[in-house]
């Protein structure tokens, strides 16, 4: 087993867990906060928008079974990479997108993936998702972990209201 970690910010972390959580080789998907200056932030602090943190997911995976490239393919298909002001109904810095790399290989792979997406013509606007060095990842409160499993009705209502699924359907009809 070759255990690795990847961290992605994609707007509401509730919506970013399920797409990764269903694959062989994915060991854990943790909702949390990263990229900011406040140590051990709370959900309310991050939501307020003055901590510098973004809602994100930390994915632990076996790279012998599931590659970083596959994670990136899933990631891009969950977000609007042309929106620098948040994601869907969730607006502000804490809901922006970002890929956090922990080594040169992740950085190079993410940059190549972003360039390919930008040059693909799939979007009429440029890809603005930044690729940033990893910083401390703080797991969110227990209530937010595996939200789609433990609070199914609330999750589904929030996701439906967000506009995320309509966007995904419009731009990623052939989701892998």
C-alpha atoms as a PDB file:
ATOM      1  CA  UNK A   1       0.000   0.000   0.000  1.00  0.00           C
ATOM      2  CA  UNK A   2       1.242   3.439  -0.948  1.00  0.00           C
ATOM      3  CA  UNK A   3      -0.768   5.837   1.219  1.00  0.00           C
ATOM      4  CA  UNK A   4      -0.928   9.419  -0.076  1.00  0.00           C
ATOM      5  CA  UNK A   5      -2.958  12.548   0.707  1.00  0.00           C
ATOM      6  CA  UNK A   6      -4.552  15.145  -1.529  1.00  0.00           C
ATOM      7  CA  UNK A   7      -6.314  18.335  -0.472  1.00  0.00           C
ATOM      8  CA  UNK A   8      -8.884  20.100  -2.642  1.00  0.00           C
ATOM      9  CA  UNK A   9     -11.079  23.128  -1.970  1.00  0.00           C
ATOM     10  CA  UNK A  10     -14.245  23.080  -4.034  1.00  0.00           C
ATOM     11  CA  UNK A  11     -16.815  25.218  -2.306  1.00  0.00           C
ATOM     12  CA  UNK A  12     -19.103  23.570   0.228  1.00  0.00           C
ATOM     13  CA  UNK A  13     -17.217  20.596   1.643  1.00  0.00           C
ATOM     14  CA  UNK A  14     -20.464  18.680   2.131  1.00  0.00           C
ATOM     15  CA  UNK A  15     -20.682  18.381  -1.669  1.00  0.00           C
ATOM     16  CA  UNK A  16     -17.030  17.435  -2.116  1.00  0.00           C
ATOM     17  CA  UNK A  17     -16.975  14.260  -0.010  1.00  0.00           C
ATOM     18  CA  UNK A  18     -19.351  11.888  -1.792  1.00  0.00           C
ATOM     19  CA  UNK A  19     -17.758  12.099  -5.276  1.00  0.00           C
ATOM     20  CA  UNK A  20     -14.441  10.835  -3.857  1.00  0.00           C
ATOM     21  CA  UNK A  21     -15.759   8.576  -1.125  1.00  0.00           C
ATOM     22  CA  UNK A  22     -17.124   5.898  -3.447  1.00  0.00           C
ATOM     23  CA  UNK A  23     -13.987   4.512  -5.087  1.00  0.00           C
ATOM     24  CA  UNK A  24     -11.783   1.544  -4.313  1.00  0.00           C
ATOM     25  CA  UNK A  25      -8.434   2.852  -3.116  1.00  0.00           C
ATOM     26  CA  UNK A  26      -9.909   5.863  -1.320  1.00  0.00           C
ATOM     27  CA  UNK A  27      -9.394   5.281   2.396  1.00  0.00           C
ATOM     28  CA  UNK A  28     -10.845   8.473   3.872  1.00  0.00           C
ATOM     29  CA  UNK A  29     -12.321  11.812   2.856  1.00  0.00           C
ATOM     30  CA  UNK A  30     -12.252  14.353   5.673  1.00  0.00           C
ATOM     31  CA  UNK A  31     -14.051  17.711   5.580  1.00  0.00           C
ATOM     32  CA  UNK A  32     -12.023  20.586   6.966  1.00  0.00           C
ATOM     33  CA  UNK A  33     -10.365  23.945   6.579  1.00  0.00           C
ATOM     34  CA  UNK A  34      -7.024  25.021   5.126  1.00  0.00           C
ATOM     35  CA  UNK A  35      -5.101  27.919   3.652  1.00  0.00           C
ATOM     36  CA  UNK A  36      -5.746  30.464   6.381  1.00  0.00           C
ATOM     37  CA  UNK A  37      -4.042  32.119   9.326  1.00  0.00           C
ATOM     38  CA  UNK A  38      -6.273  31.124  12.271  1.00  0.00           C
ATOM     39  CA  UNK A  39      -5.243  28.000  14.194  1.00  0.00           C
ATOM     40  CA  UNK A  40      -7.994  25.439  14.820  1.00  0.00           C
ATOM     41  CA  UNK A  41     -10.806  27.479  13.228  1.00  0.00           C
ATOM     42  CA  UNK A  42     -14.454  26.669  13.778  1.00  0.00           C
ATOM     43  CA  UNK A  43     -17.062  26.308  11.062  1.00  0.00           C
ATOM     44  CA  UNK A  44     -18.644  29.609  12.096  1.00  0.00           C
ATOM     45  CA  UNK A  45     -15.290  31.430  11.907  1.00  0.00           C
ATOM     46  CA  UNK A  46     -14.512  30.045   8.447  1.00  0.00           C
ATOM     47  CA  UNK A  47     -18.023  30.721   7.191  1.00  0.00           C
ATOM     48  CA  UNK A  48     -17.710  34.336   8.368  1.00  0.00           C
ATOM     49  CA  UNK A  49     -14.810  34.638   5.924  1.00  0.00           C
ATOM     50  CA  UNK A  50     -12.102  36.383   7.941  1.00  0.00           C
ATOM     51  CA  UNK A  51      -9.815  33.430   8.761  1.00  0.00           C
ATOM     52  CA  UNK A  52      -8.282  33.091   5.303  1.00  0.00           C
ATOM     53  CA  UNK A  53      -9.298  29.418   5.312  1.00  0.00           C
ATOM     54  CA  UNK A  54     -11.258  27.625   2.621  1.00  0.00           C
ATOM     55  CA  UNK A  55     -13.586  24.698   3.118  1.00  0.00           C
ATOM     56  CA  UNK A  56     -11.698  21.698   1.740  1.00  0.00           C
ATOM     57  CA  UNK A  57     -11.451  17.923   1.739  1.00  0.00           C
ATOM     58  CA  UNK A  58      -8.410  15.868   2.640  1.00  0.00           C
ATOM     59  CA  UNK A  59      -8.383  12.598   0.738  1.00  0.00           C
ATOM     60  CA  UNK A  60      -6.275   9.667   1.905  1.00  0.00           C
ATOM     61  CA  UNK A  61      -5.772   7.206  -0.915  1.00  0.00           C
ATOM     62  CA  UNK A  62      -3.700   4.233  -1.983  1.00  0.00           C
ATOM     63  CA  UNK A  63      -1.799   5.478  -5.036  1.00  0.00           C
ATOM     64  CA  UNK A  64      -1.173   1.874  -6.114  1.00  0.00           C
ATOM     65  CA  UNK A  65      -4.945   1.575  -6.660  1.00  0.00           C
ATOM     66  CA  UNK A  66      -6.104   5.136  -7.390  1.00  0.00           C
ATOM     67  CA  UNK A  67      -3.875   7.780  -8.963  1.00  0.00           C
ATOM     68  CA  UNK A  68      -3.554  11.487  -8.245  1.00  0.00           C
ATOM     69  CA  UNK A  69      -4.519  12.082 -11.887  1.00  0.00           C
ATOM     70  CA  UNK A  70      -7.800  10.242 -11.284  1.00  0.00           C
ATOM     71  CA  UNK A  71      -8.444  12.406  -8.217  1.00  0.00           C
ATOM     72  CA  UNK A  72      -7.891  15.523 -10.311  1.00  0.00           C
ATOM     73  CA  UNK A  73     -10.292  14.246 -12.988  1.00  0.00           C
ATOM     74  CA  UNK A  74     -13.000  13.831 -10.344  1.00  0.00           C
ATOM     75  CA  UNK A  75     -12.166  17.179  -8.735  1.00  0.00           C
ATOM     76  CA  UNK A  76     -12.521  19.229 -11.917  1.00  0.00           C
ATOM     77  CA  UNK A  77     -15.918  17.633 -12.551  1.00  0.00           C
ATOM     78  CA  UNK A  78     -17.279  18.871  -9.190  1.00  0.00           C
ATOM     79  CA  UNK A  79     -16.492  22.584  -9.481  1.00  0.00           C
ATOM     80  CA  UNK A  80     -16.785  25.669 -11.650  1.00  0.00           C
ATOM     81  CA  UNK A  81     -13.069  26.302 -12.155  1.00  0.00           C
ATOM     82  CA  UNK A  82     -13.789  29.683 -13.811  1.00  0.00           C
ATOM     83  CA  UNK A  83     -15.438  31.215 -10.715  1.00  0.00           C
ATOM     84  CA  UNK A  84     -13.069  33.017  -8.344  1.00  0.00           C
ATOM     85  CA  UNK A  85     -15.826  34.300  -6.051  1.00  0.00           C
ATOM     86  CA  UNK A  86     -17.005  31.047  -4.487  1.00  0.00           C
ATOM     87  CA  UNK A  87     -18.941  28.080  -5.774  1.00  0.00           C
ATOM     88  CA  UNK A  88     -22.552  28.094  -6.860  1.00  0.00           C
ATOM     89  CA  UNK A  89     -24.788  29.422  -4.055  1.00  0.00           C
ATOM     90  CA  UNK A  90     -21.869  29.656  -1.601  1.00  0.00           C
ATOM     91  CA  UNK A  91     -20.024  32.911  -2.111  1.00  0.00           C
ATOM     92  CA  UNK A  92     -16.862  34.373  -0.623  1.00  0.00           C
ATOM     93  CA  UNK A  93     -13.233  33.410  -0.033  1.00  0.00           C
ATOM     94  CA  UNK A  94     -13.984  30.399   2.159  1.00  0.00           C
ATOM     95  CA  UNK A  95     -15.888  28.775  -0.728  1.00  0.00           C
ATOM     96  CA  UNK A  96     -13.294  29.329  -3.464  1.00  0.00           C
ATOM     97  CA  UNK A  97     -11.580  26.508  -5.302  1.00  0.00           C
ATOM     98  CA  UNK A  98      -7.927  25.492  -4.892  1.00  0.00           C
ATOM     99  CA  UNK A  99      -5.660  22.504  -5.274  1.00  0.00           C
ATOM    100  CA  UNK A 100      -3.141  22.163  -2.455  1.00  0.00           C
ATOM    101  CA  UNK A 101      -0.008  20.224  -3.369  1.00  0.00           C
ATOM    102  CA  UNK A 102       2.347  18.530  -0.901  1.00  0.00           C
ATOM    103  CA  UNK A 103       5.239  17.755  -3.250  1.00  0.00           C
ATOM    104  CA  UNK A 104       6.685  18.692  -6.639  1.00  0.00           C
ATOM    105  CA  UNK A 105       5.033  15.745  -8.376  1.00  0.00           C
ATOM    106  CA  UNK A 106       1.558  16.788  -7.191  1.00  0.00           C
ATOM    107  CA  UNK A 107       2.284  20.390  -8.219  1.00  0.00           C
ATOM    108  CA  UNK A 108       3.441  19.394 -11.719  1.00  0.00           C
ATOM    109  CA  UNK A 109       0.541  16.979 -12.200  1.00  0.00           C
ATOM    110  CA  UNK A 110      -2.007  19.574 -11.057  1.00  0.00           C
ATOM    111  CA  UNK A 111      -0.505  22.283 -13.278  1.00  0.00           C
ATOM    112  CA  UNK A 112      -0.551  19.952 -16.288  1.00  0.00           C
ATOM    113  CA  UNK A 113      -4.159  18.965 -15.561  1.00  0.00           C
ATOM    114  CA  UNK A 114      -5.250  22.602 -15.178  1.00  0.00           C
ATOM    115  CA  UNK A 115      -3.496  23.556 -18.429  1.00  0.00           C
ATOM    116  CA  UNK A 116      -5.180  20.693 -20.312  1.00  0.00           C
ATOM    117  CA  UNK A 117      -8.586  21.739 -18.981  1.00  0.00           C
ATOM    118  CA  UNK A 118      -7.941  25.391 -19.854  1.00  0.00           C
ATOM    119  CA  UNK A 119      -6.908  24.467 -23.404  1.00  0.00           C
ATOM    120  CA  UNK A 120      -9.766  21.992 -23.888  1.00  0.00           C
ATOM    121  CA  UNK A 121     -12.304  24.638 -24.857  1.00  0.00           C
ATOM    122  CA  UNK A 122     -14.818  23.205 -22.396  1.00  0.00           C
ATOM    123  CA  UNK A 123     -15.157  26.635 -20.748  1.00  0.00           C
ATOM    124  CA  UNK A 124     -15.325  30.024 -22.450  1.00  0.00           C
ATOM    125  CA  UNK A 125     -13.663  31.739 -19.479  1.00  0.00           C
ATOM    126  CA  UNK A 126     -10.168  30.982 -18.159  1.00  0.00           C
ATOM    127  CA  UNK A 127      -9.538  28.454 -15.402  1.00  0.00           C
ATOM    128  CA  UNK A 128      -8.825  30.434 -12.220  1.00  0.00           C
ATOM    129  CA  UNK A 129      -8.451  27.618  -9.667  1.00  0.00           C
ATOM    130  CA  UNK A 130      -5.081  28.228  -7.977  1.00  0.00           C
ATOM    131  CA  UNK A 131      -2.529  25.529  -7.230  1.00  0.00           C
ATOM    132  CA  UNK A 132      -1.044  26.291  -3.815  1.00  0.00           C
ATOM    133  CA  UNK A 133       1.415  24.700  -1.400  1.00  0.00           C
ATOM    134  CA  UNK A 134      -0.288  22.671   1.287  1.00  0.00           C
ATOM    135  CA  UNK A 135      -0.743  24.290   4.677  1.00  0.00           C
ATOM    136  CA  UNK A 136      -2.131  22.907   7.905  1.00  0.00           C
ATOM    137  CA  UNK A 137      -5.391  21.070   7.372  1.00  0.00           C
ATOM    138  CA  UNK A 138      -7.855  21.309  10.262  1.00  0.00           C
ATOM    139  CA  UNK A 139     -10.622  18.685  10.295  1.00  0.00           C
ATOM    140  CA  UNK A 140     -14.086  20.193  10.611  1.00  0.00           C
ATOM    141  CA  UNK A 141     -16.372  19.431  13.518  1.00  0.00           C
ATOM    142  CA  UNK A 142     -17.815  15.896  13.714  1.00  0.00           C
ATOM    143  CA  UNK A 143     -21.228  17.134  12.539  1.00  0.00           C
ATOM    144  CA  UNK A 144     -19.751  17.922   9.111  1.00  0.00           C
ATOM    145  CA  UNK A 145     -17.988  14.588   8.554  1.00  0.00           C
ATOM    146  CA  UNK A 146     -19.731  12.269   6.076  1.00  0.00           C
ATOM    147  CA  UNK A 147     -22.603  14.742   6.027  1.00  0.00           C
ATOM    148  CA  UNK A 148     -24.168  13.154   2.961  1.00  0.00           C
ATOM    149  CA  UNK A 149     -24.511   9.862   4.856  1.00  0.00           C
ATOM    150  CA  UNK A 150     -25.655  11.122   8.255  1.00  0.00           C
ATOM    151  CA  UNK A 151     -27.904  14.012   7.167  1.00  0.00           C
ATOM    152  CA  UNK A 152     -29.144  12.723   3.820  1.00  0.00           C
ATOM    153  CA  UNK A 153     -32.262  14.884   3.474  1.00  0.00           C
ATOM    154  CA  UNK A 154     -30.490  18.117   4.436  1.00  0.00           C
ATOM    155  CA  UNK A 155     -27.563  17.255   2.152  1.00  0.00           C
ATOM    156  CA  UNK A 156     -29.808  16.504  -0.816  1.00  0.00           C
ATOM    157  CA  UNK A 157     -31.890  19.663  -0.302  1.00  0.00           C
ATOM    158  CA  UNK A 158     -28.801  21.856  -0.011  1.00  0.00           C
ATOM    159  CA  UNK A 159     -27.170  20.265  -3.048  1.00  0.00           C
ATOM    160  CA  UNK A 160     -30.342  20.636  -5.129  1.00  0.00           C
ATOM    161  CA  UNK A 161     -30.664  24.299  -4.186  1.00  0.00           C
ATOM    162  CA  UNK A 162     -26.997  25.046  -4.908  1.00  0.00           C
ATOM    163  CA  UNK A 163     -27.067  24.728  -8.699  1.00  0.00           C
ATOM    164  CA  UNK A 164     -23.998  22.469  -8.635  1.00  0.00           C
ATOM    165  CA  UNK A 165     -25.694  19.490 -10.282  1.00  0.00           C
ATOM    166  CA  UNK A 166     -27.105  21.603 -13.125  1.00  0.00           C
ATOM    167  CA  UNK A 167     -23.631  23.001 -13.780  1.00  0.00           C
ATOM    168  CA  UNK A 168     -22.075  19.531 -13.736  1.00  0.00           C
ATOM    169  CA  UNK A 169     -24.730  18.253 -16.143  1.00  0.00           C
ATOM    170  CA  UNK A 170     -24.139  21.179 -18.497  1.00  0.00           C
ATOM    171  CA  UNK A 171     -20.348  20.955 -18.612  1.00  0.00           C
ATOM    172  CA  UNK A 172     -19.620  17.314 -17.778  1.00  0.00           C
ATOM    173  CA  UNK A 173     -22.312  15.225 -19.457  1.00  0.00           C
ATOM    174  CA  UNK A 174     -19.844  12.370 -19.901  1.00  0.00           C
ATOM    175  CA  UNK A 175     -18.666  12.171 -16.285  1.00  0.00           C
ATOM    176  CA  UNK A 176     -16.166   9.369 -15.815  1.00  0.00           C
END
